[in-house]
Amino acid sequence: MERELTLKKIEGLQTIETAARSLNMSKQTTLNLLSKLKKEGYVTTTGGGRQKRIYKISLKKQRSRDPGMFDILNKYSPKMKLAPWFDHQVHGKYGPEEALIDAIKTKSFRVILVSLRLFSHIRDWKKVYRLAKENDCWQQVGALYEVARKYFRVKSMIERYIPKKKFKKKIFLLERYKTKEKDFYSIEKKWNVTIPFRKGDLLKTEL
């Protein structure tokens, strides 16, 4: 009964600080408790090291899971972190290439902004191209790549994937959001995709 009451107080996503406040305990005592609950299967964690560690606490024991989209995005984003608003479950091999496509599909300003950092870690452009074609989002991938390379070191896209003629279909990364940053006008014209970001948004994702 006492264990259930404790879990109810901190159920959901917590940092060590928020959990300590909810339990009215010191950080060290809370850390010891969370470590014990993790061993018992009630807690899973993401982040750590230079990233803020996030604890996911449940009233029921959680099965182990592979890193999903939010895990990958937070892993490769040095500054801006995302709090998951749904549990993104994956099976099998899942890395920056897959996370990029899933991020675009969310239609979320913040998620797509953070996904720009993935271009610094993509190693398999053939896979990205295949996944993007399967999910009908190659224009979005190409436009975001062009934005990312203006600010970060990225591996160059394979030459044969660069469009030789203008795309006919107009794509909005975010619904009806026009490009307002002059530096991105050429990218919009090349890929026929509107860019919802400003320079200041990109600077927030840098080290």
N, C-alpha and C. Protein backbone atom coordinates (compact mmCIF):
# COMPACT_ATOMS: atom_id res chain seq x y z
N MET A 1 0.83 -1.21 0.00
CA MET A 1 0.00 0.00 0.00
C MET A 1 0.87 1.26 0.00
N GLU A 2 1.92 1.24 0.81
CA GLU A 2 2.81 2.39 0.88
C GLU A 2 3.51 2.60 -0.46
N ARG A 3 3.90 1.50 -1.12
CA ARG A 3 4.56 1.61 -2.42
C ARG A 3 3.62 2.24 -3.45
N GLU A 4 2.35 1.83 -3.43
CA GLU A 4 1.38 2.37 -4.37
C GLU A 4 1.15 3.86 -4.16
N LEU A 5 1.09 4.31 -2.91
CA LEU A 5 0.90 5.73 -2.61
C LEU A 5 2.09 6.55 -3.09
N THR A 6 3.30 6.00 -2.91
CA THR A 6 4.51 6.68 -3.36
C THR A 6 4.51 6.83 -4.87
N LEU A 7 4.16 5.76 -5.57
CA LEU A 7 4.14 5.79 -7.02
C LEU A 7 3.10 6.77 -7.55
N LYS A 8 1.94 6.86 -6.88
CA LYS A 8 0.90 7.79 -7.31
C LYS A 8 1.36 9.24 -7.22
N LYS A 9 2.20 9.54 -6.22
CA LYS A 9 2.69 10.91 -6.03
C LYS A 9 3.61 11.35 -7.17
N ILE A 10 4.30 10.40 -7.77
CA ILE A 10 5.32 10.76 -8.78
C ILE A 10 5.06 10.11 -10.12
N GLU A 11 3.87 9.57 -10.33
CA GLU A 11 3.56 8.92 -11.59
C GLU A 11 3.72 9.90 -12.75
N GLY A 12 4.30 9.44 -13.85
CA GLY A 12 4.50 10.28 -15.03
C GLY A 12 5.97 10.58 -15.26
N LEU A 13 6.25 11.70 -15.93
CA LEU A 13 7.62 12.10 -16.23
C LEU A 13 8.15 13.03 -15.14
N GLN A 14 9.33 12.72 -14.63
CA GLN A 14 9.91 13.50 -13.53
C GLN A 14 11.41 13.68 -13.76
N THR A 15 11.94 14.75 -13.18
CA THR A 15 13.38 14.87 -12.99
C THR A 15 13.64 14.55 -11.53
N ILE A 16 14.89 14.42 -11.14
CA ILE A 16 15.18 14.13 -9.74
C ILE A 16 14.68 15.25 -8.84
N GLU A 17 14.73 16.49 -9.35
CA GLU A 17 14.29 17.65 -8.56
C GLU A 17 12.77 17.65 -8.36
N THR A 18 12.02 17.41 -9.44
CA THR A 18 10.56 17.43 -9.31
C THR A 18 10.06 16.27 -8.47
N ALA A 19 10.71 15.11 -8.61
CA ALA A 19 10.31 13.95 -7.80
C ALA A 19 10.59 14.20 -6.33
N ALA A 20 11.74 14.83 -6.04
CA ALA A 20 12.10 15.13 -4.64
C ALA A 20 11.09 16.08 -4.01
N ARG A 21 10.65 17.07 -4.78
CA ARG A 21 9.65 18.01 -4.26
C ARG A 21 8.31 17.32 -4.01
N SER A 22 7.91 16.45 -4.95
CA SER A 22 6.64 15.75 -4.80
C SER A 22 6.63 14.83 -3.59
N LEU A 23 7.79 14.24 -3.30
CA LEU A 23 7.89 13.30 -2.18
C LEU A 23 8.34 13.96 -0.88
N ASN A 24 8.73 15.25 -1.01
CA ASN A 24 9.24 15.97 0.16
C ASN A 24 10.44 15.25 0.77
N MET A 25 11.36 14.86 -0.11
CA MET A 25 12.57 14.16 0.30
C MET A 25 13.80 14.89 -0.22
N SER A 26 14.95 14.55 0.30
CA SER A 26 16.20 15.10 -0.24
C SER A 26 16.47 14.45 -1.59
N LYS A 27 17.31 15.10 -2.40
CA LYS A 27 17.62 14.57 -3.72
C LYS A 27 18.29 13.19 -3.63
N GLN A 28 19.17 13.01 -2.65
CA GLN A 28 19.88 11.75 -2.53
C GLN A 28 18.93 10.61 -2.13
N THR A 29 18.01 10.90 -1.19
CA THR A 29 17.04 9.89 -0.77
C THR A 29 16.12 9.53 -1.93
N THR A 30 15.71 10.56 -2.69
CA THR A 30 14.85 10.33 -3.86
C THR A 30 15.58 9.51 -4.91
N LEU A 31 16.85 9.81 -5.13
CA LEU A 31 17.65 9.07 -6.10
C LEU A 31 17.76 7.60 -5.70
N ASN A 32 17.97 7.35 -4.42
CA ASN A 32 18.05 5.97 -3.93
C ASN A 32 16.73 5.24 -4.16
N LEU A 33 15.62 5.95 -3.90
CA LEU A 33 14.30 5.35 -4.08
C LEU A 33 14.04 5.04 -5.55
N LEU A 34 14.34 6.00 -6.43
CA LEU A 34 14.11 5.80 -7.86
C LEU A 34 14.97 4.67 -8.41
N SER A 35 16.19 4.54 -7.91
CA SER A 35 17.07 3.45 -8.34
C SER A 35 16.47 2.10 -7.96
N LYS A 36 15.90 2.04 -6.75
CA LYS A 36 15.25 0.81 -6.29
C LYS A 36 14.01 0.50 -7.12
N LEU A 37 13.20 1.53 -7.40
CA LEU A 37 12.00 1.34 -8.20
C LEU A 37 12.34 0.93 -9.64
N LYS A 38 13.47 1.44 -10.13
CA LYS A 38 13.91 1.07 -11.48
C LYS A 38 14.24 -0.41 -11.53
N LYS A 39 14.94 -0.90 -10.53
CA LYS A 39 15.29 -2.32 -10.48
C LYS A 39 14.04 -3.19 -10.41
N GLU A 40 12.99 -2.66 -9.79
CA GLU A 40 11.74 -3.41 -9.64
C GLU A 40 10.85 -3.31 -10.88
N GLY A 41 11.23 -2.41 -11.81
CA GLY A 41 10.49 -2.31 -13.06
C GLY A 41 9.46 -1.21 -13.15
N TYR A 42 9.41 -0.34 -12.13
CA TYR A 42 8.42 0.74 -12.13
C TYR A 42 8.95 2.03 -12.78
N VAL A 43 10.23 2.08 -13.04
CA VAL A 43 10.85 3.30 -13.55
C VAL A 43 11.75 2.98 -14.74
N THR A 44 11.64 3.80 -15.79
CA THR A 44 12.60 3.77 -16.89
C THR A 44 13.17 5.18 -17.04
N THR A 45 14.35 5.28 -17.59
CA THR A 45 15.01 6.58 -17.70
C THR A 45 15.47 6.87 -19.12
N THR A 46 15.57 8.15 -19.43
CA THR A 46 16.19 8.62 -20.66
C THR A 46 17.15 9.75 -20.28
N GLY A 47 18.11 10.03 -21.16
CA GLY A 47 19.07 11.10 -20.88
C GLY A 47 20.18 10.62 -19.97
N GLY A 48 20.85 11.57 -19.36
CA GLY A 48 22.01 11.27 -18.52
C GLY A 48 23.26 11.87 -19.12
N GLY A 49 24.31 11.95 -18.35
CA GLY A 49 25.54 12.58 -18.82
C GLY A 49 25.34 14.07 -18.95
N ARG A 50 25.53 14.60 -20.15
CA ARG A 50 25.34 16.03 -20.39
C ARG A 50 23.86 16.38 -20.55
N GLN A 51 23.02 15.34 -20.69
CA GLN A 51 21.60 15.57 -20.86
C GLN A 51 20.88 15.43 -19.52
N LYS A 52 19.77 16.13 -19.39
CA LYS A 52 18.96 16.03 -18.19
C LYS A 52 18.32 14.65 -18.13
N ARG A 53 18.50 13.94 -17.01
CA ARG A 53 17.90 12.61 -16.89
C ARG A 53 16.42 12.74 -16.57
N ILE A 54 15.61 12.04 -17.36
CA ILE A 54 14.16 12.03 -17.19
C ILE A 54 13.73 10.65 -16.71
N TYR A 55 12.91 10.63 -15.66
CA TYR A 55 12.40 9.38 -15.10
C TYR A 55 10.94 9.22 -15.50
N LYS A 56 10.61 8.08 -16.08
CA LYS A 56 9.22 7.76 -16.39
C LYS A 56 8.74 6.76 -15.35
N ILE A 57 7.79 7.17 -14.53
CA ILE A 57 7.33 6.36 -13.41
C ILE A 57 5.91 5.88 -13.67
N SER A 58 5.68 4.60 -13.46
CA SER A 58 4.37 4.01 -13.71
C SER A 58 3.89 3.22 -12.49
N LEU A 59 2.57 3.13 -12.35
CA LEU A 59 1.99 2.33 -11.26
C LEU A 59 2.17 0.84 -11.53
N LYS A 60 2.32 0.51 -12.81
CA LYS A 60 2.54 -0.88 -13.19
C LYS A 60 3.97 -1.07 -13.68
N LYS A 61 4.49 -2.27 -13.52
CA LYS A 61 5.84 -2.55 -13.96
C LYS A 61 5.93 -2.40 -15.47
N GLN A 62 7.02 -1.75 -15.91
CA GLN A 62 7.20 -1.47 -17.32
C GLN A 62 8.15 -2.48 -17.95
N ARG A 63 7.78 -2.93 -19.13
CA ARG A 63 8.67 -3.81 -19.86
C ARG A 63 9.78 -2.97 -20.51
N SER A 64 10.95 -3.56 -20.65
CA SER A 64 12.06 -2.85 -21.27
C SER A 64 11.70 -2.51 -22.71
N ARG A 65 12.19 -1.38 -23.19
CA ARG A 65 11.86 -0.92 -24.53
C ARG A 65 13.10 -0.41 -25.23
N ASP A 66 13.07 -0.45 -26.57
CA ASP A 66 14.16 0.09 -27.36
C ASP A 66 13.99 1.60 -27.48
N PRO A 67 15.09 2.33 -27.64
CA PRO A 67 15.00 3.79 -27.80
C PRO A 67 14.12 4.17 -28.99
N GLY A 68 13.16 5.07 -28.76
CA GLY A 68 12.28 5.52 -29.84
C GLY A 68 12.67 6.89 -30.34
N MET A 69 11.75 7.55 -31.05
CA MET A 69 12.04 8.83 -31.67
C MET A 69 12.50 9.88 -30.68
N PHE A 70 11.78 10.04 -29.56
CA PHE A 70 12.15 11.07 -28.59
C PHE A 70 13.52 10.78 -27.98
N ASP A 71 13.82 9.51 -27.76
CA ASP A 71 15.12 9.14 -27.21
C ASP A 71 16.25 9.54 -28.16
N ILE A 72 16.06 9.25 -29.44
CA ILE A 72 17.08 9.57 -30.45
C ILE A 72 17.22 11.08 -30.61
N LEU A 73 16.11 11.78 -30.67
CA LEU A 73 16.16 13.24 -30.83
C LEU A 73 16.90 13.89 -29.65
N ASN A 74 16.58 13.47 -28.44
CA ASN A 74 17.24 14.04 -27.26
C ASN A 74 18.69 13.63 -27.17
N LYS A 75 19.02 12.45 -27.66
CA LYS A 75 20.40 11.98 -27.63
C LYS A 75 21.31 12.87 -28.48
N TYR A 76 20.81 13.28 -29.64
CA TYR A 76 21.65 14.03 -30.57
C TYR A 76 21.42 15.54 -30.53
N SER A 77 20.49 15.99 -29.71
CA SER A 77 20.29 17.43 -29.55
C SER A 77 21.04 17.91 -28.32
N PRO A 78 22.15 18.65 -28.49
CA PRO A 78 22.99 19.01 -27.34
C PRO A 78 22.37 20.02 -26.39
N LYS A 79 21.41 20.79 -26.87
CA LYS A 79 20.89 21.87 -26.03
C LYS A 79 19.38 21.78 -25.81
N MET A 80 18.61 21.65 -26.86
CA MET A 80 17.16 21.64 -26.74
C MET A 80 16.66 20.20 -26.55
N LYS A 81 15.88 19.98 -25.49
CA LYS A 81 15.37 18.65 -25.19
C LYS A 81 13.85 18.63 -25.31
N LEU A 82 13.33 17.44 -25.60
CA LEU A 82 11.90 17.26 -25.77
C LEU A 82 11.33 16.38 -24.67
N ALA A 83 10.19 16.77 -24.14
CA ALA A 83 9.47 15.92 -23.19
C ALA A 83 8.45 15.13 -24.00
N PRO A 84 8.56 13.81 -24.04
CA PRO A 84 7.62 13.00 -24.84
C PRO A 84 6.18 13.20 -24.42
N TRP A 85 5.28 13.36 -25.39
CA TRP A 85 3.86 13.46 -25.06
C TRP A 85 3.12 12.19 -25.45
N PHE A 86 3.85 11.21 -26.02
CA PHE A 86 3.30 9.87 -26.23
C PHE A 86 4.48 8.90 -26.23
N ASP A 87 4.17 7.63 -25.96
CA ASP A 87 5.22 6.62 -25.86
C ASP A 87 5.48 6.06 -27.25
N HIS A 88 6.60 6.46 -27.84
CA HIS A 88 6.94 6.03 -29.20
C HIS A 88 7.70 4.71 -29.15
N GLN A 89 7.00 3.62 -29.41
CA GLN A 89 7.59 2.29 -29.34
C GLN A 89 8.15 1.89 -30.71
N VAL A 90 9.33 1.29 -30.70
CA VAL A 90 9.94 0.80 -31.94
C VAL A 90 10.41 -0.63 -31.74
N HIS A 91 10.63 -1.30 -32.84
CA HIS A 91 11.13 -2.68 -32.80
C HIS A 91 12.22 -2.82 -33.85
N GLY A 92 13.30 -3.48 -33.47
CA GLY A 92 14.40 -3.66 -34.41
C GLY A 92 15.31 -2.45 -34.46
N LYS A 93 16.12 -2.38 -35.50
CA LYS A 93 17.10 -1.31 -35.64
C LYS A 93 16.40 0.03 -35.87
N TYR A 94 16.79 1.03 -35.07
CA TYR A 94 16.17 2.35 -35.18
C TYR A 94 17.22 3.39 -34.82
N GLY A 95 17.47 4.30 -35.75
CA GLY A 95 18.51 5.31 -35.54
C GLY A 95 18.10 6.66 -36.09
N PRO A 96 19.06 7.54 -36.35
CA PRO A 96 18.76 8.89 -36.84
C PRO A 96 17.95 8.91 -38.13
N GLU A 97 18.21 7.95 -39.02
CA GLU A 97 17.50 7.92 -40.30
C GLU A 97 15.99 7.72 -40.09
N GLU A 98 15.65 6.74 -39.25
CA GLU A 98 14.24 6.47 -38.98
C GLU A 98 13.61 7.59 -38.16
N ALA A 99 14.36 8.11 -37.18
CA ALA A 99 13.83 9.16 -36.30
C ALA A 99 13.51 10.43 -37.09
N LEU A 100 14.31 10.74 -38.10
CA LEU A 100 14.07 11.93 -38.93
C LEU A 100 12.72 11.84 -39.62
N ILE A 101 12.42 10.71 -40.21
CA ILE A 101 11.15 10.54 -40.91
C ILE A 101 9.98 10.64 -39.93
N ASP A 102 10.11 9.99 -38.79
CA ASP A 102 9.03 10.03 -37.79
C ASP A 102 8.84 11.45 -37.24
N ALA A 103 9.93 12.19 -37.11
CA ALA A 103 9.83 13.57 -36.62
C ALA A 103 9.05 14.44 -37.59
N ILE A 104 9.32 14.30 -38.87
CA ILE A 104 8.60 15.08 -39.89
C ILE A 104 7.11 14.76 -39.86
N LYS A 105 6.79 13.51 -39.63
CA LYS A 105 5.38 13.07 -39.62
C LYS A 105 4.60 13.63 -38.44
N THR A 106 5.28 14.06 -37.38
CA THR A 106 4.56 14.60 -36.22
C THR A 106 3.91 15.95 -36.52
N LYS A 107 4.43 16.68 -37.51
CA LYS A 107 3.94 18.02 -37.83
C LYS A 107 4.09 18.97 -36.63
N SER A 108 5.05 18.71 -35.78
CA SER A 108 5.29 19.52 -34.59
C SER A 108 6.46 20.47 -34.84
N PHE A 109 6.26 21.76 -34.61
CA PHE A 109 7.32 22.76 -34.80
C PHE A 109 8.58 22.38 -34.02
N ARG A 110 8.42 22.10 -32.74
CA ARG A 110 9.57 21.84 -31.88
C ARG A 110 10.28 20.53 -32.23
N VAL A 111 9.50 19.49 -32.54
CA VAL A 111 10.09 18.20 -32.90
C VAL A 111 10.88 18.32 -34.20
N ILE A 112 10.30 18.96 -35.20
CA ILE A 112 11.01 19.10 -36.48
C ILE A 112 12.24 19.99 -36.33
N LEU A 113 12.14 21.01 -35.49
CA LEU A 113 13.31 21.87 -35.24
C LEU A 113 14.46 21.07 -34.64
N VAL A 114 14.16 20.28 -33.63
CA VAL A 114 15.20 19.46 -32.99
C VAL A 114 15.74 18.41 -33.96
N SER A 115 14.89 17.92 -34.85
CA SER A 115 15.33 16.88 -35.79
C SER A 115 16.43 17.35 -36.74
N LEU A 116 16.60 18.67 -36.89
CA LEU A 116 17.66 19.18 -37.76
C LEU A 116 19.04 18.70 -37.31
N ARG A 117 19.20 18.45 -36.00
CA ARG A 117 20.49 17.98 -35.50
C ARG A 117 20.80 16.55 -35.96
N LEU A 118 19.78 15.82 -36.38
CA LEU A 118 20.00 14.45 -36.84
C LEU A 118 20.85 14.39 -38.11
N PHE A 119 20.80 15.44 -38.92
CA PHE A 119 21.55 15.44 -40.17
C PHE A 119 23.05 15.33 -39.93
N SER A 120 23.51 15.71 -38.74
CA SER A 120 24.94 15.58 -38.42
C SER A 120 25.32 14.14 -38.13
N HIS A 121 24.32 13.25 -38.00
CA HIS A 121 24.59 11.87 -37.61
C HIS A 121 24.06 10.85 -38.61
N ILE A 122 23.48 11.32 -39.69
CA ILE A 122 22.98 10.40 -40.72
C ILE A 122 24.16 9.86 -41.52
N ARG A 123 24.21 8.55 -41.66
CA ARG A 123 25.29 7.89 -42.38
C ARG A 123 24.79 7.13 -43.61
N ASP A 124 23.49 6.87 -43.65
CA ASP A 124 22.94 6.05 -44.74
C ASP A 124 21.88 6.84 -45.51
N TRP A 125 22.32 7.62 -46.50
CA TRP A 125 21.39 8.42 -47.27
C TRP A 125 20.48 7.56 -48.14
N LYS A 126 20.95 6.39 -48.52
CA LYS A 126 20.12 5.48 -49.31
C LYS A 126 18.90 5.07 -48.50
N LYS A 127 19.10 4.79 -47.21
CA LYS A 127 17.98 4.42 -46.33
C LYS A 127 17.04 5.60 -46.14
N VAL A 128 17.60 6.79 -45.92
CA VAL A 128 16.77 7.98 -45.73
C VAL A 128 15.89 8.20 -46.96
N TYR A 129 16.48 8.09 -48.13
CA TYR A 129 15.73 8.29 -49.37
C TYR A 129 14.60 7.27 -49.50
N ARG A 130 14.92 6.01 -49.22
CA ARG A 130 13.90 4.95 -49.33
C ARG A 130 12.76 5.19 -48.34
N LEU A 131 13.10 5.49 -47.08
CA LEU A 131 12.07 5.72 -46.07
C LEU A 131 11.23 6.95 -46.39
N ALA A 132 11.89 7.99 -46.88
CA ALA A 132 11.18 9.22 -47.22
C ALA A 132 10.22 9.00 -48.38
N LYS A 133 10.64 8.22 -49.37
CA LYS A 133 9.77 7.92 -50.51
C LYS A 133 8.57 7.08 -50.05
N GLU A 134 8.83 6.13 -49.15
CA GLU A 134 7.75 5.28 -48.65
C GLU A 134 6.73 6.09 -47.86
N ASN A 135 7.19 7.16 -47.21
CA ASN A 135 6.32 7.99 -46.39
C ASN A 135 5.95 9.31 -47.05
N ASP A 136 6.28 9.44 -48.33
CA ASP A 136 5.91 10.62 -49.12
C ASP A 136 6.37 11.92 -48.47
N CYS A 137 7.65 11.96 -48.07
CA CYS A 137 8.16 13.19 -47.43
C CYS A 137 9.58 13.53 -47.88
N TRP A 138 9.96 13.13 -49.09
CA TRP A 138 11.32 13.42 -49.55
C TRP A 138 11.55 14.92 -49.72
N GLN A 139 10.56 15.66 -50.18
CA GLN A 139 10.72 17.11 -50.31
C GLN A 139 11.04 17.73 -48.95
N GLN A 140 10.32 17.31 -47.90
CA GLN A 140 10.55 17.85 -46.57
C GLN A 140 11.96 17.52 -46.08
N VAL A 141 12.40 16.29 -46.32
CA VAL A 141 13.75 15.88 -45.92
C VAL A 141 14.79 16.76 -46.62
N GLY A 142 14.62 16.94 -47.92
CA GLY A 142 15.58 17.73 -48.67
C GLY A 142 15.65 19.17 -48.20
N ALA A 143 14.48 19.77 -47.94
CA ALA A 143 14.44 21.15 -47.48
C ALA A 143 15.09 21.29 -46.10
N LEU A 144 14.79 20.37 -45.21
CA LEU A 144 15.37 20.43 -43.86
C LEU A 144 16.89 20.20 -43.91
N TYR A 145 17.33 19.35 -44.81
CA TYR A 145 18.77 19.14 -44.99
C TYR A 145 19.47 20.43 -45.38
N GLU A 146 18.86 21.17 -46.30
CA GLU A 146 19.45 22.44 -46.76
C GLU A 146 19.51 23.46 -45.61
N VAL A 147 18.49 23.46 -44.76
CA VAL A 147 18.49 24.36 -43.61
C VAL A 147 19.59 23.95 -42.63
N ALA A 148 19.66 22.65 -42.35
CA ALA A 148 20.64 22.14 -41.37
C ALA A 148 22.07 22.44 -41.78
N ARG A 149 22.38 22.29 -43.06
CA ARG A 149 23.77 22.48 -43.50
C ARG A 149 24.21 23.94 -43.45
N LYS A 150 23.26 24.85 -43.28
CA LYS A 150 23.62 26.25 -43.09
C LYS A 150 24.16 26.51 -41.68
N TYR A 151 23.82 25.62 -40.75
CA TYR A 151 24.15 25.87 -39.35
C TYR A 151 25.04 24.79 -38.72
N PHE A 152 24.98 23.56 -39.23
CA PHE A 152 25.73 22.46 -38.62
C PHE A 152 26.58 21.74 -39.66
N ARG A 153 27.56 21.00 -39.17
CA ARG A 153 28.34 20.15 -40.06
C ARG A 153 27.53 18.89 -40.33
N VAL A 154 27.24 18.63 -41.59
CA VAL A 154 26.45 17.46 -41.95
C VAL A 154 27.15 16.70 -43.07
N LYS A 155 26.83 15.41 -43.16
CA LYS A 155 27.36 14.61 -44.26
C LYS A 155 26.58 14.94 -45.52
N SER A 156 27.28 15.19 -46.61
CA SER A 156 26.63 15.63 -47.84
C SER A 156 25.65 14.59 -48.38
N MET A 157 24.55 15.10 -48.90
CA MET A 157 23.56 14.24 -49.54
C MET A 157 24.17 13.65 -50.81
N ILE A 158 23.82 12.41 -51.12
CA ILE A 158 24.29 11.78 -52.35
C ILE A 158 23.77 12.57 -53.55
N GLU A 159 24.66 12.85 -54.49
CA GLU A 159 24.37 13.74 -55.61
C GLU A 159 23.12 13.35 -56.38
N ARG A 160 22.91 12.05 -56.59
CA ARG A 160 21.78 11.62 -57.44
C ARG A 160 20.42 11.90 -56.80
N TYR A 161 20.41 12.21 -55.50
CA TYR A 161 19.15 12.48 -54.83
C TYR A 161 18.76 13.96 -54.89
N ILE A 162 19.67 14.80 -55.32
CA ILE A 162 19.39 16.23 -55.42
C ILE A 162 18.49 16.48 -56.63
N PRO A 163 17.39 17.19 -56.47
CA PRO A 163 16.43 17.35 -57.58
C PRO A 163 17.02 18.13 -58.76
N LYS A 164 16.70 17.66 -59.96
CA LYS A 164 17.17 18.33 -61.17
C LYS A 164 16.12 19.28 -61.74
N LYS A 165 14.89 19.11 -61.28
CA LYS A 165 13.82 20.01 -61.72
C LYS A 165 12.91 20.31 -60.54
N LYS A 166 12.15 21.38 -60.65
CA LYS A 166 11.33 21.84 -59.54
C LYS A 166 10.19 20.87 -59.25
N PHE A 167 9.93 20.67 -57.98
CA PHE A 167 8.79 19.86 -57.56
C PHE A 167 7.50 20.63 -57.83
N LYS A 168 6.50 19.94 -58.34
CA LYS A 168 5.23 20.58 -58.66
C LYS A 168 4.37 20.81 -57.42
N LYS A 169 4.42 19.87 -56.48
CA LYS A 169 3.55 19.93 -55.31
C LYS A 169 4.12 20.83 -54.22
N LYS A 170 3.32 21.79 -53.77
CA LYS A 170 3.72 22.68 -52.68
C LYS A 170 3.50 21.96 -51.35
N ILE A 171 4.55 21.96 -50.51
CA ILE A 171 4.48 21.27 -49.22
C ILE A 171 4.64 22.28 -48.09
N PHE A 172 3.78 22.15 -47.08
CA PHE A 172 3.90 22.95 -45.86
C PHE A 172 4.39 22.05 -44.73
N LEU A 173 5.57 22.35 -44.19
CA LEU A 173 6.06 21.57 -43.06
C LEU A 173 5.08 21.65 -41.90
N LEU A 174 4.56 22.86 -41.70
CA LEU A 174 3.46 23.08 -40.76
C LEU A 174 2.31 23.66 -41.55
N GLU A 175 1.12 23.29 -41.22
CA GLU A 175 -0.05 23.66 -42.02
C GLU A 175 -0.14 25.16 -42.31
N ARG A 176 -0.03 25.49 -43.58
CA ARG A 176 -0.20 26.86 -44.07
C ARG A 176 0.74 27.87 -43.41
N TYR A 177 1.93 27.43 -43.04
CA TYR A 177 2.91 28.33 -42.43
C TYR A 177 3.91 28.77 -43.51
N LYS A 178 3.90 30.04 -43.85
CA LYS A 178 4.74 30.54 -44.93
C LYS A 178 6.18 30.78 -44.47
N THR A 179 7.09 30.72 -45.43
CA THR A 179 8.49 31.05 -45.15
C THR A 179 8.62 32.55 -44.92
N LYS A 180 9.22 32.93 -43.80
CA LYS A 180 9.35 34.35 -43.47
C LYS A 180 10.82 34.79 -43.36
N GLU A 181 11.74 33.83 -43.33
CA GLU A 181 13.17 34.13 -43.23
C GLU A 181 13.77 34.20 -44.63
N LYS A 182 14.31 35.36 -44.99
CA LYS A 182 14.83 35.57 -46.35
C LYS A 182 15.90 34.56 -46.73
N ASP A 183 16.73 34.15 -45.76
CA ASP A 183 17.80 33.19 -46.05
C ASP A 183 17.26 31.83 -46.50
N PHE A 184 15.98 31.58 -46.25
CA PHE A 184 15.40 30.29 -46.60
C PHE A 184 14.57 30.33 -47.87
N TYR A 185 14.48 31.51 -48.50
CA TYR A 185 13.67 31.63 -49.72
C TYR A 185 14.19 30.71 -50.83
N SER A 186 15.50 30.64 -50.98
CA SER A 186 16.09 29.81 -52.04
C SER A 186 15.82 28.32 -51.80
N ILE A 187 15.80 27.93 -50.52
CA ILE A 187 15.51 26.53 -50.18
C ILE A 187 14.06 26.22 -50.51
N GLU A 188 13.17 27.15 -50.16
CA GLU A 188 11.75 26.95 -50.48
C GLU A 188 11.56 26.80 -51.98
N LYS A 189 12.25 27.62 -52.74
CA LYS A 189 12.11 27.58 -54.20
C LYS A 189 12.65 26.27 -54.76
N LYS A 190 13.75 25.78 -54.24
CA LYS A 190 14.39 24.56 -54.75
C LYS A 190 13.55 23.32 -54.47
N TRP A 191 13.01 23.23 -53.26
CA TRP A 191 12.29 22.02 -52.84
C TRP A 191 10.78 22.20 -52.82
N ASN A 192 10.32 23.45 -53.04
CA ASN A 192 8.89 23.78 -53.00
C ASN A 192 8.29 23.39 -51.65
N VAL A 193 9.03 23.70 -50.58
CA VAL A 193 8.62 23.43 -49.21
C VAL A 193 8.78 24.71 -48.39
N THR A 194 7.76 25.09 -47.66
CA THR A 194 7.87 26.28 -46.80
C THR A 194 8.65 25.94 -45.54
N ILE A 195 9.47 26.89 -45.07
CA ILE A 195 10.31 26.70 -43.90
C ILE A 195 9.75 27.55 -42.76
N PRO A 196 9.29 26.95 -41.68
CA PRO A 196 8.62 27.71 -40.61
C PRO A 196 9.58 28.35 -39.60
N PHE A 197 10.89 28.17 -39.79
CA PHE A 197 11.83 28.61 -38.76
C PHE A 197 12.44 29.98 -39.05
N ARG A 198 12.87 30.63 -37.99
CA ARG A 198 13.67 31.85 -38.07
C ARG A 198 15.09 31.52 -37.65
N LYS A 199 16.04 32.42 -37.93
CA LYS A 199 17.42 32.19 -37.53
C LYS A 199 17.53 31.95 -36.02
N GLY A 200 16.76 32.72 -35.25
CA GLY A 200 16.81 32.58 -33.81
C GLY A 200 16.42 31.20 -33.32
N ASP A 201 15.50 30.55 -34.05
CA ASP A 201 15.10 29.20 -33.67
C ASP A 201 16.28 28.23 -33.81
N LEU A 202 17.03 28.39 -34.90
CA LEU A 202 18.17 27.52 -35.13
C LEU A 202 19.26 27.74 -34.09
N LEU A 203 19.46 28.98 -33.69
CA LEU A 203 20.48 29.29 -32.70
C LEU A 203 20.19 28.62 -31.35
N LYS A 204 18.91 28.41 -31.06
CA LYS A 204 18.53 27.76 -29.80
C LYS A 204 18.96 26.30 -29.76
N THR A 205 19.21 25.69 -30.91
CA THR A 205 19.58 24.29 -30.94
C THR A 205 21.09 24.09 -30.93
N GLU A 206 21.87 25.18 -31.01
CA GLU A 206 23.32 25.07 -31.08
C GLU A 206 23.91 24.89 -29.68
N LEU A 207 25.19 24.46 -29.66
CA LEU A 207 25.91 24.30 -28.39
C LEU A 207 26.12 25.65 -27.75
